[in-house]
PDB file of N, CA and C in Angstrom:
ATOM      1  N   MET A   1       0.323  -1.436   0.155  1.00  0.00           N
ATOM      2  CA  MET A   1       0.291  -0.483   0.393  1.00  0.00           C
ATOM      3  C   MET A   1       1.004   1.372  -0.087  1.00  0.00           C
ATOM      4  N   THR A   2       0.511   2.608  -0.852  1.00  0.00           N
ATOM      5  CA  THR A   2       1.411   3.602  -0.785  1.00  0.00           C
ATOM      6  C   THR A   2       0.108   4.662  -0.097  1.00  0.00           C
ATOM      7  N   TYR A   3       0.975   5.731   0.252  1.00  0.00           N
ATOM      8  CA  TYR A   3       0.656   6.343   0.945  1.00  0.00           C
ATOM      9  C   TYR A   3       1.349   7.974   0.490  1.00  0.00           C
ATOM     10  N   GLN A   4       0.303   8.917   0.317  1.00  0.00           N
ATOM     11  CA  GLN A   4       1.541  10.055  -0.730  1.00  0.00           C
ATOM     12  C   GLN A   4       1.947  11.288   1.299  1.00  0.00           C
ATOM     13  N   LYS A   5       2.460  11.504   0.978  1.00  0.00           N
ATOM     14  CA  LYS A   5       2.734  12.318   2.316  1.00  0.00           C
ATOM     15  C   LYS A   5       1.454  12.887   3.201  1.00  0.00           C
ATOM     16  N   GLU A   6       0.915  14.203   1.925  1.00  0.00           N
ATOM     17  CA  GLU A   6      -0.402  14.117   2.502  1.00  0.00           C
ATOM     18  C   GLU A   6      -1.560  14.063   3.818  1.00  0.00           C
ATOM     19  N   THR A   7      -1.234  12.754   3.044  1.00  0.00           N
ATOM     20  CA  THR A   7      -1.940  11.389   3.835  1.00  0.00           C
ATOM     21  C   THR A   7      -1.570  10.976   5.263  1.00  0.00           C
ATOM     22  N   ILE A   8      -0.661  11.081   5.249  1.00  0.00           N
ATOM     23  CA  ILE A   8       0.805  10.672   6.507  1.00  0.00           C
ATOM     24  C   ILE A   8       0.535  11.589   6.992  1.00  0.00           C
ATOM     25  N   ILE A   9       0.871  13.038   7.040  1.00  0.00           N
ATOM     26  CA  ILE A   9       0.271  14.027   7.823  1.00  0.00           C
ATOM     27  C   ILE A   9      -0.651  14.101   8.289  1.00  0.00           C
ATOM     28  N   ALA A  10      -1.777  13.717   7.574  1.00  0.00           N
ATOM     29  CA  ALA A  10      -3.176  13.624   7.703  1.00  0.00           C
ATOM     30  C   ALA A  10      -3.740  13.114   8.771  1.00  0.00           C
ATOM     31  N   LYS A  11      -3.241  11.983   8.597  1.00  0.00           N
ATOM     32  CA  LYS A  11      -3.066  11.037   9.985  1.00  0.00           C
ATOM     33  C   LYS A  11      -2.195  10.947  11.438  1.00  0.00           C
ATOM     34  N   ALA A  12      -1.337  11.617  11.040  1.00  0.00           N
ATOM     35  CA  ALA A  12      -0.574  11.898  11.932  1.00  0.00           C
ATOM     36  C   ALA A  12      -1.821  13.617  12.994  1.00  0.00           C
ATOM     37  N   ASN A  13      -1.784  14.167  12.305  1.00  0.00           N
ATOM     38  CA  ASN A  13      -2.963  14.891  12.863  1.00  0.00           C
ATOM     39  C   ASN A  13      -3.700  14.400  13.495  1.00  0.00           C
ATOM     40  N   GLU A  14      -4.564  12.665  12.997  1.00  0.00           N
ATOM     41  CA  GLU A  14      -6.014  12.873  13.855  1.00  0.00           C
ATOM     42  C   GLU A  14      -5.728  11.542  14.870  1.00  0.00           C
ATOM     43  N   LEU A  15      -3.747  11.268  14.927  1.00  0.00           N
ATOM     44  CA  LEU A  15      -2.970  11.349  16.385  1.00  0.00           C
ATOM     45  C   LEU A  15      -3.360  11.833  17.238  1.00  0.00           C
ATOM     46  N   LYS A  16      -3.171  13.052  17.033  1.00  0.00           N
ATOM     47  CA  LYS A  16      -2.594  14.456  17.675  1.00  0.00           C
ATOM     48  C   LYS A  16      -3.118  14.638  18.409  1.00  0.00           C
ATOM     49  N   GLU A  17      -4.775  15.223  17.144  1.00  0.00           N
ATOM     50  CA  GLU A  17      -6.847  15.528  17.890  1.00  0.00           C
ATOM     51  C   GLU A  17      -6.558  13.763  18.988  1.00  0.00           C
ATOM     52  N   ALA A  18      -6.130  12.482  19.023  1.00  0.00           N
ATOM     53  CA  ALA A  18      -6.454  12.332  19.500  1.00  0.00           C
ATOM     54  C   ALA A  18      -6.060  11.732  20.945  1.00  0.00           C
ATOM     55  N   LEU A  19      -4.474  11.497  21.184  1.00  0.00           N
ATOM     56  CA  LEU A  19      -4.213  12.436  21.402  1.00  0.00           C
ATOM     57  C   LEU A  19      -4.248  12.990  23.205  1.00  0.00           C
ATOM     58  N   GLN A  20      -4.402  14.210  22.319  1.00  0.00           N
ATOM     59  CA  GLN A  20      -4.778  15.057  23.145  1.00  0.00           C
ATOM     60  C   GLN A  20      -6.188  15.185  23.813  1.00  0.00           C
ATOM     61  N   ALA A  21      -6.729  14.147  23.478  1.00  0.00           N
ATOM     62  CA  ALA A  21      -8.186  14.112  24.304  1.00  0.00           C
ATOM     63  C   ALA A  21      -7.792  13.001  24.890  1.00  0.00           C
ATOM     64  N   THR A  22      -7.214  12.184  25.044  1.00  0.00           N
ATOM     65  CA  THR A  22      -6.982  11.497  26.434  1.00  0.00           C
ATOM     66  C   THR A  22      -7.070  11.550  27.706  1.00  0.00           C
ATOM     67  N   GLU A  23      -7.238  10.893  28.834  1.00  0.00           N
ATOM     68  CA  GLU A  23      -7.519  10.917  29.728  1.00  0.00           C
ATOM     69  C   GLU A  23      -5.500  11.794  30.349  1.00  0.00           C
ATOM     70  N   ALA A  24      -4.881  10.801  30.328  1.00  0.00           N
ATOM     71  CA  ALA A  24      -3.430  11.257  30.623  1.00  0.00           C
ATOM     72  C   ALA A  24      -3.234  12.631  30.332  1.00  0.00           C
ATOM     73  N   VAL A  25      -3.154  12.609  28.993  1.00  0.00           N
ATOM     74  CA  VAL A  25      -3.132  14.675  28.142  1.00  0.00           C
ATOM     75  C   VAL A  25      -3.755  15.537  28.892  1.00  0.00           C
ATOM     76  N   THR A  26      -5.242  15.292  28.692  1.00  0.00           N
ATOM     77  CA  THR A  26      -6.088  16.576  30.118  1.00  0.00           C
ATOM     78  C   THR A  26      -5.294  15.828  31.285  1.00  0.00           C
ATOM     79  N   PHE A  27      -5.826  15.761  32.058  1.00  0.00           N
ATOM     80  CA  PHE A  27      -5.381  15.778  33.160  1.00  0.00           C
ATOM     81  C   PHE A  27      -3.705  16.356  33.266  1.00  0.00           C
ATOM     82  N   TYR A  28      -2.543  15.628  32.432  1.00  0.00           N
ATOM     83  CA  TYR A  28      -1.493  16.780  32.243  1.00  0.00           C
ATOM     84  C   TYR A  28      -1.324  18.260  31.647  1.00  0.00           C
ATOM     85  N   ARG A  29      -2.220  18.616  30.995  1.00  0.00           N
ATOM     86  CA  ARG A  29      -2.624  20.462  31.095  1.00  0.00           C
ATOM     87  C   ARG A  29      -3.317  20.732  31.945  1.00  0.00           C
ATOM     88  N   ALA A  30      -4.618  19.778  32.757  1.00  0.00           N
ATOM     89  CA  ALA A  30      -4.759  19.952  34.274  1.00  0.00           C
ATOM     90  C   ALA A  30      -3.758  20.980  34.994  1.00  0.00           C
ATOM     91  N   ALA A  31      -3.036  19.654  34.855  1.00  0.00           N
ATOM     92  CA  ALA A  31      -1.783  20.358  35.976  1.00  0.00           C
ATOM     93  C   ALA A  31      -0.696  21.248  35.746  1.00  0.00           C
ATOM     94  N   GLU A  32      -0.966  20.984  34.750  1.00  0.00           N
ATOM     95  CA  GLU A  32      -0.197  22.277  34.280  1.00  0.00           C
ATOM     96  C   GLU A  32      -0.755  23.553  34.013  1.00  0.00           C
ATOM     97  N   GLU A  33      -2.112  23.723  33.761  1.00  0.00           N
ATOM     98  CA  GLU A  33      -2.222  25.394  34.156  1.00  0.00           C
ATOM     99  C   GLU A  33      -2.578  25.490  35.575  1.00  0.00           C
ATOM    100  N   LYS A  34      -2.929  24.620  36.954  1.00  0.00           N
ATOM    101  CA  LYS A  34      -2.732  24.923  38.331  1.00  0.00           C
ATOM    102  C   LYS A  34      -1.390  25.176  38.115  1.00  0.00           C
ATOM    103  N   ILE A  35      -0.165  24.782  37.952  1.00  0.00           N
ATOM    104  CA  ILE A  35       0.954  25.255  38.112  1.00  0.00           C
ATOM    105  C   ILE A  35       1.132  26.830  38.050  1.00  0.00           C
ATOM    106  N   ASN A  36       1.246  26.889  36.756  1.00  0.00           N
ATOM    107  CA  ASN A  36       1.276  27.926  35.783  1.00  0.00           C
ATOM    108  C   ASN A  36       0.788  29.029  37.006  1.00  0.00           C
ATOM    109  N   THR A  37      -0.888  29.309  37.144  1.00  0.00           N
ATOM    110  CA  THR A  37      -1.336  30.005  38.102  1.00  0.00           C
ATOM    111  C   THR A  37      -0.882  29.889  39.598  1.00  0.00           C
ATOM    112  N   ASN A  38      -0.418  29.423  39.996  1.00  0.00           N
ATOM    113  CA  ASN A  38      -0.237  28.860  41.956  1.00  0.00           C
ATOM    114  C   ASN A  38       1.003  30.433  41.655  1.00  0.00           C
ATOM    115  N   GLN A  39       0.804  30.258  42.974  1.00  0.00           N
ATOM    116  CA  GLN A  39       1.238  31.763  43.457  1.00  0.00           C
ATOM    117  C   GLN A  39       2.662  31.440  43.788  1.00  0.00           C
ATOM    118  N   LYS A  40       2.401  30.069  44.732  1.00  0.00           N
ATOM    119  CA  LYS A  40       3.144  30.067  45.600  1.00  0.00           C
ATOM    120  C   LYS A  40       4.360  29.446  45.109  1.00  0.00           C
ATOM    121  N   VAL A  41       4.369  28.768  44.197  1.00  0.00           N
ATOM    122  CA  VAL A  41       4.825  27.805  42.972  1.00  0.00           C
ATOM    123  C   VAL A  41       5.815  29.109  42.459  1.00  0.00           C
ATOM    124  N   ALA A  42       5.349  30.620  41.965  1.00  0.00           N
ATOM    125  CA  ALA A  42       5.804  31.489  41.317  1.00  0.00           C
ATOM    126  C   ALA A  42       6.605  31.767  42.181  1.00  0.00           C
ATOM    127  N   ALA A  43       6.388  32.150  43.192  1.00  0.00           N
ATOM    128  CA  ALA A  43       6.975  32.745  43.917  1.00  0.00           C
ATOM    129  C   ALA A  43       8.526  32.743  44.241  1.00  0.00           C
ATOM    130  N   LYS A  44       8.392  30.528  44.228  1.00  0.00           N
ATOM    131  CA  LYS A  44       9.757  29.820  44.910  1.00  0.00           C
ATOM    132  C   LYS A  44      10.439  29.991  44.190  1.00  0.00           C
ATOM    133  N   VAL A  45       9.881  29.568  42.485  1.00  0.00           N
ATOM    134  CA  VAL A  45      10.485  30.064  41.320  1.00  0.00           C
ATOM    135  C   VAL A  45      11.297  31.307  41.097  1.00  0.00           C
ATOM    136  N   GLY A  46      10.452  32.407  41.157  1.00  0.00           N
ATOM    137  CA  GLY A  46      10.971  34.054  41.328  1.00  0.00           C
ATOM    138  C   GLY A  46      12.587  34.157  42.431  1.00  0.00           C
ATOM    139  N   SER A  47      12.086  33.279  43.610  1.00  0.00           N
ATOM    140  CA  SER A  47      13.241  33.831  43.975  1.00  0.00           C
ATOM    141  C   SER A  47      14.451  32.650  43.506  1.00  0.00           C
ATOM    142  N   ILE A  48      14.218  31.843  42.996  1.00  0.00           N
ATOM    143  CA  ILE A  48      15.202  31.023  42.439  1.00  0.00           C
ATOM    144  C   ILE A  48      16.072  31.611  41.472  1.00  0.00           C
ATOM    145  N   LYS A  49      15.140  32.347  40.257  1.00  0.00           N
ATOM    146  CA  LYS A  49      15.874  33.122  39.300  1.00  0.00           C
ATOM    147  C   LYS A  49      16.781  34.301  40.002  1.00  0.00           C
ATOM    148  N   LYS A  50      16.241  34.835  41.395  1.00  0.00           N
ATOM    149  CA  LYS A  50      16.698  35.591  41.995  1.00  0.00           C
ATOM    150  C   LYS A  50      18.646  35.193  42.113  1.00  0.00           C
ATOM    151  N   LEU A  51      18.515  34.216  42.570  1.00  0.00           N
ATOM    152  CA  LEU A  51      19.187  34.241  43.821  1.00  0.00           C
ATOM    153  C   LEU A  51      20.329  33.509  42.987  1.00  0.00           C
ATOM    154  N   GLN A  52      20.003  32.569  41.171  1.00  0.00           N
ATOM    155  CA  GLN A  52      20.798  31.879  39.960  1.00  0.00           C
ATOM    156  C   GLN A  52      21.872  33.609  39.846  1.00  0.00           C
ATOM    157  N   LYS A  53      20.941  34.602  39.684  1.00  0.00           N
ATOM    158  CA  LYS A  53      21.364  35.452  39.312  1.00  0.00           C
ATOM    159  C   LYS A  53      22.560  35.638  39.790  1.00  0.00           C
ATOM    160  N   GLU A  54      22.502  36.136  41.118  1.00  0.00           N
ATOM    161  CA  GLU A  54      23.098  36.345  42.462  1.00  0.00           C
ATOM    162  C   GLU A  54      24.507  35.302  42.067  1.00  0.00           C
ATOM    163  N   ALA A  55      24.377  34.072  42.000  1.00  0.00           N
ATOM    164  CA  ALA A  55      25.195  33.430  42.107  1.00  0.00           C
ATOM    165  C   ALA A  55      26.251  33.727  40.520  1.00  0.00           C
ATOM    166  N   VAL A  56      25.868  33.148  39.534  1.00  0.00           N
ATOM    167  CA  VAL A  56      26.470  33.526  38.361  1.00  0.00           C
ATOM    168  C   VAL A  56      27.588  35.483  38.949  1.00  0.00           C
ATOM    169  N   ASN A  57      26.418  36.281  39.533  1.00  0.00           N
ATOM    170  CA  ASN A  57      27.711  37.449  40.160  1.00  0.00           C
ATOM    171  C   ASN A  57      28.552  36.931  40.785  1.00  0.00           C
ATOM    172  N   LEU A  58      27.981  36.462  42.039  1.00  0.00           N
ATOM    173  CA  LEU A  58      29.384  36.359  42.859  1.00  0.00           C
ATOM    174  C   LEU A  58      30.496  34.964  42.412  1.00  0.00           C
ATOM    175  N   GLU A  59      30.087  34.186  41.821  1.00  0.00           N
ATOM    176  CA  GLU A  59      31.422  33.688  41.217  1.00  0.00           C
ATOM    177  C   GLU A  59      32.258  34.474  39.822  1.00  0.00           C
ATOM    178  N   HIS A  60      31.655  35.401  39.160  1.00  0.00           N
ATOM    179  CA  HIS A  60      32.453  36.239  38.529  1.00  0.00           C
ATOM    180  C   HIS A  60      33.125  36.709  39.433  1.00  0.00           C
ATOM    181  N   TYR A  61      33.634  37.583  40.942  1.00  0.00           N
ATOM    182  CA  TYR A  61      33.842  37.900  41.525  1.00  0.00           C
ATOM    183  C   TYR A  61      34.633  36.525  42.761  1.00  0.00           C
ATOM    184  N   GLN A  62      34.912  36.034  42.290  1.00  0.00           N
ATOM    185  CA  GLN A  62      35.131  34.809  42.675  1.00  0.00           C
ATOM    186  C   GLN A  62      35.090  34.842  44.791  1.00  0.00           C
ATOM    187  N   LYS A  63      33.381  34.543  44.737  1.00  0.00           N
ATOM    188  CA  LYS A  63      33.897  34.248  46.163  1.00  0.00           C
ATOM    189  C   LYS A  63      32.809  33.399  46.437  1.00  0.00           C
ATOM    190  N   PHE A  64      33.838  32.155  46.428  1.00  0.00           N
ATOM    191  CA  PHE A  64      32.862  30.896  46.398  1.00  0.00           C
ATOM    192  C   PHE A  64      32.422  30.186  47.122  1.00  0.00           C
ATOM    193  N   GLY A  65      32.712  30.907  48.887  1.00  0.00           N
ATOM    194  CA  GLY A  65      31.663  30.556  50.159  1.00  0.00           C
ATOM    195  C   GLY A  65      30.736  30.962  49.859  1.00  0.00           C
ATOM    196  N   ALA A  66      30.407  31.964  49.536  1.00  0.00           N
ATOM    197  CA  ALA A  66      28.650  32.537  49.256  1.00  0.00           C
ATOM    198  C   ALA A  66      28.156  31.800  47.871  1.00  0.00           C
ATOM    199  N   VAL A  67      29.307  31.866  46.870  1.00  0.00           N
ATOM    200  CA  VAL A  67      28.334  30.485  45.465  1.00  0.00           C
ATOM    201  C   VAL A  67      27.565  29.589  45.913  1.00  0.00           C
ATOM    202  N   LYS A  68      28.584  28.693  47.143  1.00  0.00           N
ATOM    203  CA  LYS A  68      27.965  26.988  47.560  1.00  0.00           C
ATOM    204  C   LYS A  68      27.128  27.958  48.033  1.00  0.00           C
ATOM    205  N   GLN A  69      26.980  29.015  49.219  1.00  0.00           N
ATOM    206  CA  GLN A  69      25.718  28.931  50.183  1.00  0.00           C
ATOM    207  C   GLN A  69      24.620  29.681  49.111  1.00  0.00           C
ATOM    208  N   THR A  70      24.845  30.333  48.368  1.00  0.00           N
ATOM    209  CA  THR A  70      23.475  30.610  47.100  1.00  0.00           C
ATOM    210  C   THR A  70      22.476  28.939  46.496  1.00  0.00           C
ATOM    211  N   GLU A  71      23.559  28.905  45.830  1.00  0.00           N
ATOM    212  CA  GLU A  71      23.788  27.447  45.872  1.00  0.00           C
ATOM    213  C   GLU A  71      22.683  26.063  45.775  1.00  0.00           C
ATOM    214  N   ASP A  72      23.246  26.436  47.688  1.00  0.00           N
ATOM    215  CA  ASP A  72      22.237  25.539  48.919  1.00  0.00           C
ATOM    216  C   ASP A  72      21.260  26.368  48.564  1.00  0.00           C
ATOM    217  N   ASN A  73      20.883  27.659  49.108  1.00  0.00           N
ATOM    218  CA  ASN A  73      19.759  27.856  48.604  1.00  0.00           C
ATOM    219  C   ASN A  73      18.669  27.272  47.461  1.00  0.00           C
ATOM    220  N   ILE A  74      19.439  27.495  46.995  1.00  0.00           N
ATOM    221  CA  ILE A  74      18.478  27.289  45.094  1.00  0.00           C
ATOM    222  C   ILE A  74      18.270  25.295  45.456  1.00  0.00           C
ATOM    223  N   ASP A  75      19.003  24.740  45.784  1.00  0.00           N
ATOM    224  CA  ASP A  75      18.548  23.367  46.526  1.00  0.00           C
ATOM    225  C   ASP A  75      17.258  23.269  47.060  1.00  0.00           C
ATOM    226  N   ALA A  76      17.601  24.502  48.168  1.00  0.00           N
ATOM    227  CA  ALA A  76      16.940  24.318  49.565  1.00  0.00           C
ATOM    228  C   ALA A  76      15.340  24.341  48.496  1.00  0.00           C
ATOM    229  N   LEU A  77      15.463  25.344  47.717  1.00  0.00           N
ATOM    230  CA  LEU A  77      14.223  25.674  47.442  1.00  0.00           C
ATOM    231  C   LEU A  77      13.645  24.778  46.520  1.00  0.00           C
ATOM    232  N   THR A  78      13.853  24.497  45.458  1.00  0.00           N
ATOM    233  CA  THR A  78      13.563  23.385  44.555  1.00  0.00           C
ATOM    234  C   THR A  78      13.331  22.750  45.343  1.00  0.00           C
ATOM    235  N   ALA A  79      13.831  21.927  46.160  1.00  0.00           N
ATOM    236  CA  ALA A  79      13.233  20.991  47.001  1.00  0.00           C
ATOM    237  C   ALA A  79      11.269  21.777  47.421  1.00  0.00           C
ATOM    238  N   GLU A  80      12.094  22.410  48.250  1.00  0.00           N
ATOM    239  CA  GLU A  80      10.328  23.532  48.525  1.00  0.00           C
ATOM    240  C   GLU A  80       9.587  22.657  47.036  1.00  0.00           C
ATOM    241  N   ILE A  81      10.149  23.057  46.672  1.00  0.00           N
ATOM    242  CA  ILE A  81       8.927  23.098  45.268  1.00  0.00           C
ATOM    243  C   ILE A  81       8.554  22.040  44.347  1.00  0.00           C
ATOM    244  N   ASP A  82       9.497  20.979  44.690  1.00  0.00           N
ATOM    245  CA  ASP A  82       9.467  19.368  44.745  1.00  0.00           C
ATOM    246  C   ASP A  82       8.638  18.741  45.367  1.00  0.00           C
ATOM    247  N   HIS A  83       8.439  19.523  46.079  1.00  0.00           N
ATOM    248  CA  HIS A  83       7.488  18.552  47.296  1.00  0.00           C
ATOM    249  C   HIS A  83       5.814  19.438  48.030  1.00  0.00           C
ATOM    250  N   LEU A  84       5.807  19.894  47.277  1.00  0.00           N
ATOM    251  CA  LEU A  84       4.351  20.384  47.391  1.00  0.00           C
ATOM    252  C   LEU A  84       3.926  19.460  46.598  1.00  0.00           C
ATOM    253  N   PRO A  85       2.659  19.467  47.072  1.00  0.00           N
ATOM    254  CA  PRO A  85       1.362  18.750  45.945  1.00  0.00           C
ATOM    255  C   PRO A  85       0.909  19.200  45.122  1.00  0.00           C
ATOM    256  N   ILE A  86       0.713  20.312  44.599  1.00  0.00           N
ATOM    257  CA  ILE A  86       1.030  20.427  43.014  1.00  0.00           C
ATOM    258  C   ILE A  86       1.537  20.122  42.179  1.00  0.00           C
ATOM    259  N   VAL A  87       2.775  19.906  42.985  1.00  0.00           N
ATOM    260  CA  VAL A  87       4.177  19.556  42.090  1.00  0.00           C
ATOM    261  C   VAL A  87       4.253  18.391  41.542  1.00  0.00           C
ATOM    262  N   GLN A  88       3.125  18.098  43.113  1.00  0.00           N
ATOM    263  CA  GLN A  88       3.707  16.790  42.551  1.00  0.00           C
ATOM    264  C   GLN A  88       2.880  15.834  41.876  1.00  0.00           C
ATOM    265  N   GLU A  89       1.365  16.337  41.529  1.00  0.00           N
ATOM    266  CA  GLU A  89       0.979  15.721  40.551  1.00  0.00           C
ATOM    267  C   GLU A  89       1.144  16.394  39.344  1.00  0.00           C
ATOM    268  N   PHE A  90       1.669  17.705  39.535  1.00  0.00           N
ATOM    269  CA  PHE A  90       1.748  17.680  37.671  1.00  0.00           C
ATOM    270  C   PHE A  90       3.038  16.478  37.417  1.00  0.00           C
ATOM    271  N   LYS A  91       4.329  16.419  38.127  1.00  0.00           N
ATOM    272  CA  LYS A  91       5.103  15.715  37.842  1.00  0.00           C
ATOM    273  C   LYS A  91       4.452  13.703  37.261  1.00  0.00           C
ATOM    274  N   ARG A  92       3.436  13.451  38.906  1.00  0.00           N
ATOM    275  CA  ARG A  92       2.817  12.208  38.072  1.00  0.00           C
ATOM    276  C   ARG A  92       1.923  12.344  36.728  1.00  0.00           C
ATOM    277  N   SER A  93       0.932  13.320  36.820  1.00  0.00           N
ATOM    278  CA  SER A  93       0.526  14.056  35.250  1.00  0.00           C
ATOM    279  C   SER A  93       1.692  13.854  34.169  1.00  0.00           C
ATOM    280  N   GLN A  94       2.395  14.452  34.107  1.00  0.00           N
ATOM    281  CA  GLN A  94       3.731  14.036  33.376  1.00  0.00           C
ATOM    282  C   GLN A  94       4.401  12.826  32.630  1.00  0.00           C
ATOM    283  N   GLU A  95       4.326  12.213  33.845  1.00  0.00           N
ATOM    284  CA  GLU A  95       5.150  10.935  33.808  1.00  0.00           C
ATOM    285  C   GLU A  95       4.148   9.655  32.888  1.00  0.00           C
ATOM    286  N   GLU A  96       2.913   9.945  33.408  1.00  0.00           N
ATOM    287  CA  GLU A  96       1.571   9.776  32.647  1.00  0.00           C
ATOM    288  C   GLU A  96       1.657   9.578  31.439  1.00  0.00           C
ATOM    289  N   ALA A  97       1.399  11.122  30.686  1.00  0.00           N
ATOM    290  CA  ALA A  97       1.756  11.776  29.392  1.00  0.00           C
ATOM    291  C   ALA A  97       2.894  10.778  28.504  1.00  0.00           C
ATOM    292  N   ASN A  98       3.961  10.853  29.207  1.00  0.00           N
ATOM    293  CA  ASN A  98       5.186  10.472  29.111  1.00  0.00           C
ATOM    294  C   ASN A  98       4.928   8.953  28.219  1.00  0.00           C
ATOM    295  N   ASP A  99       4.394   7.988  29.124  1.00  0.00           N
ATOM    296  CA  ASP A  99       4.783   6.449  29.367  1.00  0.00           C
ATOM    297  C   ASP A  99       3.641   6.760  28.030  1.00  0.00           C
ATOM    298  N   LEU A 100       2.250   7.004  27.903  1.00  0.00           N
ATOM    299  CA  LEU A 100       1.529   7.110  26.722  1.00  0.00           C
ATOM    300  C   LEU A 100       1.835   7.277  25.179  1.00  0.00           C
ATOM    301  N   LEU A 101       3.419   8.428  25.644  1.00  0.00           N
ATOM    302  CA  LEU A 101       3.929   9.097  23.991  1.00  0.00           C
ATOM    303  C   LEU A 101       4.539   8.422  23.295  1.00  0.00           C
ATOM    304  N   GLN A 102       4.893   7.326  24.761  1.00  0.00           N
ATOM    305  CA  GLN A 102       6.535   6.247  24.395  1.00  0.00           C
ATOM    306  C   GLN A 102       6.098   5.614  24.130  1.00  0.00           C
ATOM    307  N   SER A 103       4.721   4.873  24.425  1.00  0.00           N
ATOM    308  CA  SER A 103       4.623   3.171  23.974  1.00  0.00           C
ATOM    309  C   SER A 103       4.116   3.709  22.837  1.00  0.00           C
ATOM    310  N   ILE A 104       3.327   4.901  22.463  1.00  0.00           N
ATOM    311  CA  ILE A 104       2.739   5.274  20.671  1.00  0.00           C
ATOM    312  C   ILE A 104       3.712   5.390  20.000  1.00  0.00           C
ATOM    313  N   THR A 105       4.973   5.868  20.345  1.00  0.00           N
ATOM    314  CA  THR A 105       6.270   5.675  19.321  1.00  0.00           C
ATOM    315  C   THR A 105       6.821   4.349  19.634  1.00  0.00           C
ATOM    316  N   ARG A 106       6.504   3.718  20.562  1.00  0.00           N
ATOM    317  CA  ARG A 106       7.250   1.977  19.736  1.00  0.00           C
ATOM    318  C   ARG A 106       6.601   1.466  18.920  1.00  0.00           C
ATOM    319  N   GLU A 107       5.493   1.586  19.222  1.00  0.00           N
ATOM    320  CA  GLU A 107       4.317   1.093  18.183  1.00  0.00           C
ATOM    321  C   GLU A 107       4.073   1.174  16.953  1.00  0.00           C
ATOM    322  N   ILE A 108       4.182   2.864  16.726  1.00  0.00           N
ATOM    323  CA  ILE A 108       4.314   2.764  15.774  1.00  0.00           C
ATOM    324  C   ILE A 108       5.868   2.372  15.193  1.00  0.00           C
ATOM    325  N   SER A 109       7.161   2.763  15.479  1.00  0.00           N
ATOM    326  CA  SER A 109       8.305   2.698  14.898  1.00  0.00           C
ATOM    327  C   SER A 109       8.772   0.952  15.480  1.00  0.00           C
ATOM    328  N   HIS A 110       8.012   0.165  15.750  1.00  0.00           N
ATOM    329  CA  HIS A 110       7.674  -1.167  15.984  1.00  0.00           C
ATOM    330  C   HIS A 110       6.775  -1.792  13.910  1.00  0.00           C
ATOM    331  N   LYS A 111       5.856  -1.441  14.146  1.00  0.00           N
ATOM    332  CA  LYS A 111       5.379  -1.429  13.030  1.00  0.00           C
ATOM    333  C   LYS A 111       5.338  -1.225  11.478  1.00  0.00           C
ATOM    334  N   VAL A 112       6.554   0.542  11.712  1.00  0.00           N
ATOM    335  CA  VAL A 112       6.963   1.152  10.496  1.00  0.00           C
ATOM    336  C   VAL A 112       8.502  -0.358  10.180  1.00  0.00           C
ATOM    337  N   THR A 113       9.281  -0.613  11.325  1.00  0.00           N
ATOM    338  CA  THR A 113      10.065  -1.310  10.783  1.00  0.00           C
ATOM    339  C   THR A 113      10.221  -2.232  10.355  1.00  0.00           C
ATOM    340  N   SER A 114       8.718  -2.532  10.691  1.00  0.00           N
ATOM    341  CA  SER A 114       8.165  -4.356  10.809  1.00  0.00           C
ATOM    342  C   SER A 114       7.832  -4.225   9.189  1.00  0.00           C
ATOM    343  N   GLU A 115       6.746  -3.445   8.543  1.00  0.00           N
ATOM    344  CA  GLU A 115       6.684  -3.326   6.703  1.00  0.00           C
ATOM    345  C   GLU A 115       7.634  -3.106   5.919  1.00  0.00           C
ATOM    346  N   LEU A 116       8.719  -2.201   7.181  1.00  0.00           N
ATOM    347  CA  LEU A 116      10.154  -1.824   5.855  1.00  0.00           C
ATOM    348  C   LEU A 116      10.857  -3.663   5.589  1.00  0.00           C
ATOM    349  N   LYS A 117      10.671  -4.438   6.796  1.00  0.00           N
ATOM    350  CA  LYS A 117      11.081  -5.698   5.957  1.00  0.00           C
ATOM    351  C   LYS A 117      10.744  -6.787   5.341  1.00  0.00           C
ATOM    352  N   LYS A 118       8.852  -6.222   4.945  1.00  0.00           N
ATOM    353  CA  LYS A 118       8.363  -7.354   3.984  1.00  0.00           C
ATOM    354  C   LYS A 118       8.535  -7.133   2.843  1.00  0.00           C
TER     355      LYS A 118
END
């Protein structure tokens, strides 16, 4: 069976739409939206960005002790973010969506390879 490029692209778009309608992707998008609008997460991310800039400046002036302390503060804030329930929910949904995409990718790869060997 021979397919035209346009047909393959149309099928890919159908697959994309089907994926977007799956529970895993829908849940991921909802979790992502919650993360993006969460003030607590935004404040901590803002603090991390500020500390990262500070670390770059301190490193430039070779204040390595202060750089280490700043990096420790960044790590602590990152850990705080990672332990927030909303972030854990997001990560879980991200893993589920990634697992779905990987399984589909493997299946497509397997089928294409099988067809090419014929």
